Amino acid sequence: MKFEIGIPSFDRAEIIKKKTLTLLSKFNVPKSMIRIFLKDEAELEKYTKSLGTDYTFEITGQGCIMATRNYLRHYYQHSEFEGVLFMDDDLTDFTELGKPLSMPFLDLIEYFFKETADRGLRYFGVNPSFNPFYWTDKIRTNLKYILGGFNGLIIDKDKDIIYCDIGHYEDYQFSLEHFLADGGIVSFDKYGIDTKRIQASGGIVGSIGKEQRDIDRVENAHYLVGRYNGMCKIVEKKYGTDLRMNTRYKNS
């Protein structure tokens, strides 16, 4: 499958350099397979100064995570690629049951795409837990939360593009919409990422501020529960409002 890795980033030239790009370099991913999506020319200047010009950069012109995610969806739907692996800019590791991968990274991603296509589906992800204790050697197609920080999409030009209409929890909405549209999503529960979940600089918090992010978390959680009746529910955790998928939900 002809695919590339798409990474949206904002005000994190040094973070993406030290984290996700270093990780991909460790996995021997060619720079030619990586496309970094930036807001504007000012961001492009900062990133090329830090990273050089060996990477491919794409200016989105978008100012929020919702618009950026939708731009990426539109971009790849009209590209020559058959698939895309979306990654966040602050990933520090990607492992198998908490240990080093048993096969080369790119071979593994090819395997993810093939397994997803063989099931007649187009959206896949990895274990959403950051604790390997909860990872299992299973592939699931029931309703699960697919992390926004690491997920793959098979480009099917015969199907409508799935967009989001919220910022925070947009990854939950993509999971819900793909489950409804495609009849399932694929979760490779043996694999997972390591990242600092909330960065103080750049990214969503850097663009809208932590206070607004907290407001959006509550409002958007209630919106999703109301819109997708029976598919998810609100749970309260130490850090505040969160969502949980109904893994037993069945398409009618």
C-alpha atoms as a PDB file:
ATOM      1  CA  MET A   1       0.000   0.000   0.000  1.00  0.00           C
ATOM      2  CA  LYS A   2       1.267   3.426  -0.899  1.00  0.00           C
ATOM      3  CA  PHE A   3       1.062   5.460   2.286  1.00  0.00           C
ATOM      4  CA  GLU A   4       2.857   8.218   4.124  1.00  0.00           C
ATOM      5  CA  ILE A   5       3.008   9.535   7.670  1.00  0.00           C
ATOM      6  CA  GLY A   6       1.120  12.772   8.335  1.00  0.00           C
ATOM      7  CA  ILE A   7       2.014  14.816  11.421  1.00  0.00           C
ATOM      8  CA  PRO A   8       0.134  18.005  12.356  1.00  0.00           C
ATOM      9  CA  SER A   9       2.226  20.317  14.529  1.00  0.00           C
ATOM     10  CA  PHE A  10       1.994  23.795  16.019  1.00  0.00           C
ATOM     11  CA  ASP A  11       4.747  25.754  17.755  1.00  0.00           C
ATOM     12  CA  ARG A  12       6.699  22.581  18.543  1.00  0.00           C
ATOM     13  CA  ALA A  13       9.663  22.596  16.182  1.00  0.00           C
ATOM     14  CA  GLU A  14      12.046  21.422  18.883  1.00  0.00           C
ATOM     15  CA  ILE A  15       9.578  18.973  20.437  1.00  0.00           C
ATOM     16  CA  ILE A  16       8.824  17.196  17.152  1.00  0.00           C
ATOM     17  CA  LYS A  17      12.553  17.080  16.424  1.00  0.00           C
ATOM     18  CA  LYS A  18      13.428  15.506  19.779  1.00  0.00           C
ATOM     19  CA  LYS A  19      10.428  13.205  19.993  1.00  0.00           C
ATOM     20  CA  THR A  20       8.405  11.905  17.034  1.00  0.00           C
ATOM     21  CA  LEU A  21      11.030  12.527  14.356  1.00  0.00           C
ATOM     22  CA  THR A  22      13.742  10.976  16.509  1.00  0.00           C
ATOM     23  CA  LEU A  23      11.478   7.974  17.080  1.00  0.00           C
ATOM     24  CA  LEU A  24      10.820   7.577  13.346  1.00  0.00           C
ATOM     25  CA  SER A  25      14.521   7.894  12.622  1.00  0.00           C
ATOM     26  CA  LYS A  26      15.165   5.082  15.115  1.00  0.00           C
ATOM     27  CA  PHE A  27      12.640   3.008  13.169  1.00  0.00           C
ATOM     28  CA  ASN A  28      14.500   3.775   9.898  1.00  0.00           C
ATOM     29  CA  VAL A  29      11.576   5.639   8.349  1.00  0.00           C
ATOM     30  CA  PRO A  30      12.786   7.693   5.348  1.00  0.00           C
ATOM     31  CA  LYS A  31      12.194  11.425   5.645  1.00  0.00           C
ATOM     32  CA  SER A  32      10.534  11.259   2.220  1.00  0.00           C
ATOM     33  CA  MET A  33       7.640   9.319   3.823  1.00  0.00           C
ATOM     34  CA  ILE A  34       6.923  12.049   6.381  1.00  0.00           C
ATOM     35  CA  ARG A  35       4.729  15.111   5.775  1.00  0.00           C
ATOM     36  CA  ILE A  36       4.493  17.783   8.488  1.00  0.00           C
ATOM     37  CA  PHE A  37       1.386  19.975   8.448  1.00  0.00           C
ATOM     38  CA  LEU A  38       1.843  23.551   9.664  1.00  0.00           C
ATOM     39  CA  LYS A  39      -0.473  26.499  10.151  1.00  0.00           C
ATOM     40  CA  ASP A  40       1.264  29.222   8.111  1.00  0.00           C
ATOM     41  CA  GLU A  41       4.465  30.625   6.623  1.00  0.00           C
ATOM     42  CA  ALA A  42       5.658  31.874  10.021  1.00  0.00           C
ATOM     43  CA  GLU A  43       5.488  28.333  11.384  1.00  0.00           C
ATOM     44  CA  LEU A  44       7.182  27.005   8.266  1.00  0.00           C
ATOM     45  CA  GLU A  45      10.111  29.365   8.792  1.00  0.00           C
ATOM     46  CA  LYS A  46      10.577  28.148  12.365  1.00  0.00           C
ATOM     47  CA  TYR A  47      10.365  24.487  11.429  1.00  0.00           C
ATOM     48  CA  THR A  48      12.710  24.622   8.463  1.00  0.00           C
ATOM     49  CA  LYS A  49      15.204  26.517  10.609  1.00  0.00           C
ATOM     50  CA  SER A  50      15.093  23.725  13.175  1.00  0.00           C
ATOM     51  CA  LEU A  51      14.585  20.670  10.959  1.00  0.00           C
ATOM     52  CA  GLY A  52      16.091  21.680   7.644  1.00  0.00           C
ATOM     53  CA  THR A  53      14.398  21.125   4.302  1.00  0.00           C
ATOM     54  CA  ASP A  54      14.632  17.343   3.951  1.00  0.00           C
ATOM     55  CA  TYR A  55      11.093  16.867   5.243  1.00  0.00           C
ATOM     56  CA  THR A  56       7.966  17.664   3.260  1.00  0.00           C
ATOM     57  CA  PHE A  57       5.924  20.493   4.768  1.00  0.00           C
ATOM     58  CA  GLU A  58       2.310  21.385   4.017  1.00  0.00           C
ATOM     59  CA  ILE A  59       0.695  24.666   5.041  1.00  0.00           C
ATOM     60  CA  THR A  60      -2.894  24.175   6.150  1.00  0.00           C
ATOM     61  CA  GLY A  61      -4.003  27.746   6.826  1.00  0.00           C
ATOM     62  CA  GLN A  62      -6.070  26.349   9.708  1.00  0.00           C
ATOM     63  CA  GLY A  63      -6.086  27.734  13.227  1.00  0.00           C
ATOM     64  CA  CYS A  64      -7.604  25.019  15.444  1.00  0.00           C
ATOM     65  CA  ILE A  65      -7.380  21.270  15.886  1.00  0.00           C
ATOM     66  CA  MET A  66     -10.844  20.629  14.446  1.00  0.00           C
ATOM     67  CA  ALA A  67     -10.098  22.492  11.222  1.00  0.00           C
ATOM     68  CA  THR A  68      -6.624  20.967  11.006  1.00  0.00           C
ATOM     69  CA  ARG A  69      -7.893  17.388  11.398  1.00  0.00           C
ATOM     70  CA  ASN A  70     -10.513  18.036   8.728  1.00  0.00           C
ATOM     71  CA  TYR A  71      -7.917  19.562   6.420  1.00  0.00           C
ATOM     72  CA  LEU A  72      -5.789  16.434   6.712  1.00  0.00           C
ATOM     73  CA  ARG A  73      -8.775  14.218   5.918  1.00  0.00           C
ATOM     74  CA  HIS A  74      -9.588  16.281   2.834  1.00  0.00           C
ATOM     75  CA  TYR A  75      -5.958  16.449   1.759  1.00  0.00           C
ATOM     76  CA  TYR A  76      -5.389  12.697   1.735  1.00  0.00           C
ATOM     77  CA  GLN A  77      -8.755  11.896   0.177  1.00  0.00           C
ATOM     78  CA  HIS A  78      -7.592  13.870  -2.871  1.00  0.00           C
ATOM     79  CA  SER A  79      -3.970  12.691  -2.861  1.00  0.00           C
ATOM     80  CA  GLU A  80      -2.273   9.855  -4.711  1.00  0.00           C
ATOM     81  CA  PHE A  81      -1.852   7.876  -1.485  1.00  0.00           C
ATOM     82  CA  GLU A  82      -3.830   4.757  -0.650  1.00  0.00           C
ATOM     83  CA  GLY A  83      -3.438   5.286   3.068  1.00  0.00           C
ATOM     84  CA  VAL A  84      -2.027   7.543   5.752  1.00  0.00           C
ATOM     85  CA  LEU A  85      -0.667   6.982   9.237  1.00  0.00           C
ATOM     86  CA  PHE A  86      -1.448   9.983  11.436  1.00  0.00           C
ATOM     87  CA  MET A  87       0.925  10.620  14.335  1.00  0.00           C
ATOM     88  CA  ASP A  88       1.197  13.357  16.956  1.00  0.00           C
ATOM     89  CA  ASP A  89       4.386  15.388  17.178  1.00  0.00           C
ATOM     90  CA  ASP A  90       5.312  14.379  20.750  1.00  0.00           C
ATOM     91  CA  LEU A  91       5.560  10.575  20.684  1.00  0.00           C
ATOM     92  CA  THR A  92       8.527   9.168  22.558  1.00  0.00           C
ATOM     93  CA  ASP A  93       8.036   5.441  21.956  1.00  0.00           C
ATOM     94  CA  PHE A  94       5.950   2.820  20.182  1.00  0.00           C
ATOM     95  CA  THR A  95       6.130  -0.692  21.586  1.00  0.00           C
ATOM     96  CA  GLU A  96       4.692  -4.203  21.498  1.00  0.00           C
ATOM     97  CA  LEU A  97       3.308  -5.308  24.860  1.00  0.00           C
ATOM     98  CA  GLY A  98       5.588  -2.654  26.349  1.00  0.00           C
ATOM     99  CA  LYS A  99       8.687  -4.140  24.719  1.00  0.00           C
ATOM    100  CA  PRO A 100      10.625  -3.392  21.502  1.00  0.00           C
ATOM    101  CA  LEU A 101       8.841  -4.265  18.258  1.00  0.00           C
ATOM    102  CA  SER A 102       9.316  -7.802  16.976  1.00  0.00           C
ATOM    103  CA  MET A 103       9.306  -6.672  13.335  1.00  0.00           C
ATOM    104  CA  PRO A 104      10.468  -3.533  11.481  1.00  0.00           C
ATOM    105  CA  PHE A 105       8.165  -0.569  12.053  1.00  0.00           C
ATOM    106  CA  LEU A 106       7.207  -0.029   8.401  1.00  0.00           C
ATOM    107  CA  ASP A 107       6.494  -3.734   7.929  1.00  0.00           C
ATOM    108  CA  LEU A 108       4.231  -3.559  10.962  1.00  0.00           C
ATOM    109  CA  ILE A 109       2.315  -0.591   9.587  1.00  0.00           C
ATOM    110  CA  GLU A 110       1.897  -2.431   6.268  1.00  0.00           C
ATOM    111  CA  TYR A 111       0.494  -5.325   8.303  1.00  0.00           C
ATOM    112  CA  PHE A 112      -1.941  -2.959  10.048  1.00  0.00           C
ATOM    113  CA  PHE A 113      -3.203  -1.674   6.710  1.00  0.00           C
ATOM    114  CA  LYS A 114      -3.573  -5.196   5.289  1.00  0.00           C
ATOM    115  CA  GLU A 115      -5.434  -6.550   8.306  1.00  0.00           C
ATOM    116  CA  THR A 116      -7.775  -3.570   8.225  1.00  0.00           C
ATOM    117  CA  ALA A 117      -8.436  -3.908   4.482  1.00  0.00           C
ATOM    118  CA  ASP A 118      -9.001  -7.669   4.786  1.00  0.00           C
ATOM    119  CA  ARG A 119     -11.797  -6.931   7.251  1.00  0.00           C
ATOM    120  CA  GLY A 120     -13.430  -4.492   4.840  1.00  0.00           C
ATOM    121  CA  LEU A 121     -12.699  -1.590   7.187  1.00  0.00           C
ATOM    122  CA  ARG A 122     -10.630   1.588   6.792  1.00  0.00           C
ATOM    123  CA  TYR A 123      -9.722   3.000  10.222  1.00  0.00           C
ATOM    124  CA  PHE A 124      -7.302   1.457  12.710  1.00  0.00           C
ATOM    125  CA  GLY A 125      -5.447   2.301  15.871  1.00  0.00           C
ATOM    126  CA  VAL A 126      -3.542   0.832  18.788  1.00  0.00           C
ATOM    127  CA  ASN A 127      -4.249   0.281  22.462  1.00  0.00           C
ATOM    128  CA  PRO A 128      -5.494   3.567  23.971  1.00  0.00           C
ATOM    129  CA  SER A 129      -4.092   2.751  27.405  1.00  0.00           C
ATOM    130  CA  PHE A 130      -0.682   4.197  28.225  1.00  0.00           C
ATOM    131  CA  ASN A 131      -0.062   1.285  30.614  1.00  0.00           C
ATOM    132  CA  PRO A 132       1.205  -1.918  28.915  1.00  0.00           C
ATOM    133  CA  PHE A 133      -0.327  -3.929  31.758  1.00  0.00           C
ATOM    134  CA  TYR A 134      -3.663  -3.499  29.975  1.00  0.00           C
ATOM    135  CA  TRP A 135      -2.408  -4.457  26.528  1.00  0.00           C
ATOM    136  CA  THR A 136      -3.423  -7.844  25.088  1.00  0.00           C
ATOM    137  CA  ASP A 137      -2.420  -9.884  22.062  1.00  0.00           C
ATOM    138  CA  LYS A 138      -5.756  -9.321  20.314  1.00  0.00           C
ATOM    139  CA  ILE A 139      -7.193  -7.542  17.295  1.00  0.00           C
ATOM    140  CA  ARG A 140     -10.639  -6.094  17.961  1.00  0.00           C
ATOM    141  CA  THR A 141     -13.253  -4.601  15.638  1.00  0.00           C
ATOM    142  CA  ASN A 142     -15.849  -3.563  18.206  1.00  0.00           C
ATOM    143  CA  LEU A 143     -16.477   0.043  19.207  1.00  0.00           C
ATOM    144  CA  LYS A 144     -13.304   1.343  20.841  1.00  0.00           C
ATOM    145  CA  TYR A 145     -11.564   4.650  21.249  1.00  0.00           C
ATOM    146  CA  ILE A 146      -8.914   5.148  18.579  1.00  0.00           C
ATOM    147  CA  LEU A 147      -6.175   7.497  19.768  1.00  0.00           C
ATOM    148  CA  GLY A 148      -5.814  10.689  17.761  1.00  0.00           C
ATOM    149  CA  GLY A 149      -2.071  10.502  18.357  1.00  0.00           C
ATOM    150  CA  PHE A 150      -1.553   7.299  16.348  1.00  0.00           C
ATOM    151  CA  ASN A 151      -4.064   5.988  13.828  1.00  0.00           C
ATOM    152  CA  GLY A 152      -4.250   4.846  10.240  1.00  0.00           C
ATOM    153  CA  LEU A 153      -6.762   5.532   7.502  1.00  0.00           C
ATOM    154  CA  ILE A 154      -7.273   3.647   4.256  1.00  0.00           C
ATOM    155  CA  ILE A 155      -8.291   6.091   1.551  1.00  0.00           C
ATOM    156  CA  ASP A 156     -11.515   4.918  -0.104  1.00  0.00           C
ATOM    157  CA  LYS A 157     -12.537   7.424  -2.753  1.00  0.00           C
ATOM    158  CA  ASP A 158     -15.901   5.705  -3.138  1.00  0.00           C
ATOM    159  CA  LYS A 159     -16.857   6.651   0.411  1.00  0.00           C
ATOM    160  CA  ASP A 160     -17.604  10.054   1.894  1.00  0.00           C
ATOM    161  CA  ILE A 161     -14.907  11.824   3.881  1.00  0.00           C
ATOM    162  CA  ILE A 162     -15.567  11.631   7.605  1.00  0.00           C
ATOM    163  CA  TYR A 163     -15.071  15.007   9.260  1.00  0.00           C
ATOM    164  CA  CYS A 164     -15.314  16.157  12.879  1.00  0.00           C
ATOM    165  CA  ASP A 165     -17.286  19.148  14.169  1.00  0.00           C
ATOM    166  CA  ILE A 166     -15.554  19.553  17.527  1.00  0.00           C
ATOM    167  CA  GLY A 167     -11.995  20.188  18.666  1.00  0.00           C
ATOM    168  CA  HIS A 168     -11.369  18.403  21.966  1.00  0.00           C
ATOM    169  CA  TYR A 169     -12.540  14.758  21.694  1.00  0.00           C
ATOM    170  CA  GLU A 170     -12.349  14.905  17.906  1.00  0.00           C
ATOM    171  CA  ASP A 171     -10.610  11.517  18.041  1.00  0.00           C
ATOM    172  CA  TYR A 172     -13.607  10.051  19.862  1.00  0.00           C
ATOM    173  CA  GLN A 173     -15.881  11.444  17.176  1.00  0.00           C
ATOM    174  CA  PHE A 174     -13.775   9.932  14.378  1.00  0.00           C
ATOM    175  CA  SER A 175     -13.958   6.572  16.182  1.00  0.00           C
ATOM    176  CA  LEU A 176     -17.735   6.821  16.515  1.00  0.00           C
ATOM    177  CA  GLU A 177     -18.316   7.978  12.953  1.00  0.00           C
ATOM    178  CA  HIS A 178     -16.117   5.296  11.399  1.00  0.00           C
ATOM    179  CA  PHE A 179     -17.831   2.613  13.434  1.00  0.00           C
ATOM    180  CA  LEU A 180     -21.210   3.786  12.168  1.00  0.00           C
ATOM    181  CA  ALA A 181     -20.127   4.325   8.560  1.00  0.00           C
ATOM    182  CA  ASP A 182     -17.946   1.253   8.084  1.00  0.00           C
ATOM    183  CA  GLY A 183     -19.428  -1.260  10.493  1.00  0.00           C
ATOM    184  CA  GLY A 184     -16.310  -1.426  12.639  1.00  0.00           C
ATOM    185  CA  ILE A 185     -12.875  -0.084  13.453  1.00  0.00           C
ATOM    186  CA  VAL A 186      -9.701  -2.063  14.047  1.00  0.00           C
ATOM    187  CA  SER A 187      -7.751  -1.881  17.288  1.00  0.00           C
ATOM    188  CA  PHE A 188      -4.380  -3.648  17.502  1.00  0.00           C
ATOM    189  CA  ASP A 189      -4.357  -4.015  21.278  1.00  0.00           C
ATOM    190  CA  LYS A 190      -0.865  -5.490  21.412  1.00  0.00           C
ATOM    191  CA  TYR A 191       0.739  -2.164  20.522  1.00  0.00           C
ATOM    192  CA  GLY A 192       0.769   1.272  22.092  1.00  0.00           C
ATOM    193  CA  ILE A 193       2.455   4.655  22.281  1.00  0.00           C
ATOM    194  CA  ASP A 194       4.237   6.629  24.928  1.00  0.00           C
ATOM    195  CA  THR A 195       3.720  10.371  25.134  1.00  0.00           C
ATOM    196  CA  LYS A 196       3.247  13.187  27.619  1.00  0.00           C
ATOM    197  CA  ARG A 197      -0.510  13.579  27.422  1.00  0.00           C
ATOM    198  CA  ILE A 198      -0.725  17.337  27.969  1.00  0.00           C
ATOM    199  CA  GLN A 199       2.165  19.541  26.875  1.00  0.00           C
ATOM    200  CA  ALA A 200       2.561  22.998  28.360  1.00  0.00           C
ATOM    201  CA  SER A 201       3.858  24.451  25.111  1.00  0.00           C
ATOM    202  CA  GLY A 202       2.527  24.348  21.574  1.00  0.00           C
ATOM    203  CA  GLY A 203      -0.178  22.010  20.345  1.00  0.00           C
ATOM    204  CA  ILE A 204      -3.806  22.429  21.443  1.00  0.00           C
ATOM    205  CA  VAL A 205      -2.979  23.906  24.852  1.00  0.00           C
ATOM    206  CA  GLY A 206      -0.561  26.347  23.264  1.00  0.00           C
ATOM    207  CA  SER A 207      -3.143  27.524  20.738  1.00  0.00           C
ATOM    208  CA  ILE A 208      -6.251  27.876  22.958  1.00  0.00           C
ATOM    209  CA  GLY A 209      -4.942  27.723  26.545  1.00  0.00           C
ATOM    210  CA  LYS A 210      -5.551  25.145  29.278  1.00  0.00           C
ATOM    211  CA  GLU A 211      -8.640  26.901  30.667  1.00  0.00           C
ATOM    212  CA  GLN A 212     -10.433  26.816  27.319  1.00  0.00           C
ATOM    213  CA  ARG A 213      -9.330  23.232  26.768  1.00  0.00           C
ATOM    214  CA  ASP A 214     -10.947  22.255  30.083  1.00  0.00           C
ATOM    215  CA  ILE A 215     -14.167  24.036  29.083  1.00  0.00           C
ATOM    216  CA  ASP A 216     -14.192  22.308  25.696  1.00  0.00           C
ATOM    217  CA  ARG A 217     -13.628  18.927  27.341  1.00  0.00           C
ATOM    218  CA  VAL A 218     -16.817  19.202  29.382  1.00  0.00           C
ATOM    219  CA  GLU A 219     -18.986  20.765  26.676  1.00  0.00           C
ATOM    220  CA  ASN A 220     -17.853  18.400  23.947  1.00  0.00           C
ATOM    221  CA  ALA A 221     -18.255  15.336  26.148  1.00  0.00           C
ATOM    222  CA  HIS A 222     -21.921  16.206  26.739  1.00  0.00           C
ATOM    223  CA  TYR A 223     -22.366  16.944  23.037  1.00  0.00           C
ATOM    224  CA  LEU A 224     -21.024  13.535  21.981  1.00  0.00           C
ATOM    225  CA  VAL A 225     -23.101  11.641  24.545  1.00  0.00           C
ATOM    226  CA  GLY A 226     -26.218  13.448  23.338  1.00  0.00           C
ATOM    227  CA  ARG A 227     -25.497  13.011  19.634  1.00  0.00           C
ATOM    228  CA  TYR A 228     -24.328   9.384  19.749  1.00  0.00           C
ATOM    229  CA  ASN A 229     -26.980   7.996  22.050  1.00  0.00           C
ATOM    230  CA  GLY A 230     -25.876   4.781  23.735  1.00  0.00           C
ATOM    231  CA  MET A 231     -22.422   4.708  22.135  1.00  0.00           C
ATOM    232  CA  CYS A 232     -20.477   6.490  24.861  1.00  0.00           C
ATOM    233  CA  LYS A 233     -20.919   7.882  28.351  1.00  0.00           C
ATOM    234  CA  ILE A 234     -19.369  10.467  30.640  1.00  0.00           C
ATOM    235  CA  VAL A 235     -17.114   9.352  33.466  1.00  0.00           C
ATOM    236  CA  GLU A 236     -15.552  11.581  36.096  1.00  0.00           C
ATOM    237  CA  LYS A 237     -11.858  11.077  36.828  1.00  0.00           C
ATOM    238  CA  LYS A 238      -9.357  12.825  39.065  1.00  0.00           C
ATOM    239  CA  TYR A 239      -8.452  15.310  36.346  1.00  0.00           C
ATOM    240  CA  GLY A 240     -12.090  15.952  35.389  1.00  0.00           C
ATOM    241  CA  THR A 241     -14.665  14.891  32.835  1.00  0.00           C
ATOM    242  CA  ASP A 242     -13.789  12.080  30.460  1.00  0.00           C
ATOM    243  CA  LEU A 243     -15.526   9.753  28.013  1.00  0.00           C
ATOM    244  CA  ARG A 244     -15.868   5.991  27.813  1.00  0.00           C
ATOM    245  CA  MET A 245     -16.977   3.996  24.794  1.00  0.00           C
ATOM    246  CA  ASN A 246     -19.752   1.403  24.969  1.00  0.00           C
ATOM    247  CA  THR A 247     -17.673  -1.495  23.649  1.00  0.00           C
ATOM    248  CA  ARG A 248     -20.786  -3.676  23.376  1.00  0.00           C
ATOM    249  CA  TYR A 249     -22.608  -1.298  21.081  1.00  0.00           C
ATOM    250  CA  LYS A 250     -23.940  -2.912  17.889  1.00  0.00           C
ATOM    251  CA  ASN A 251     -24.847  -1.229  14.627  1.00  0.00           C
ATOM    252  CA  SER A 252     -28.559  -1.584  14.015  1.00  0.00           C
END
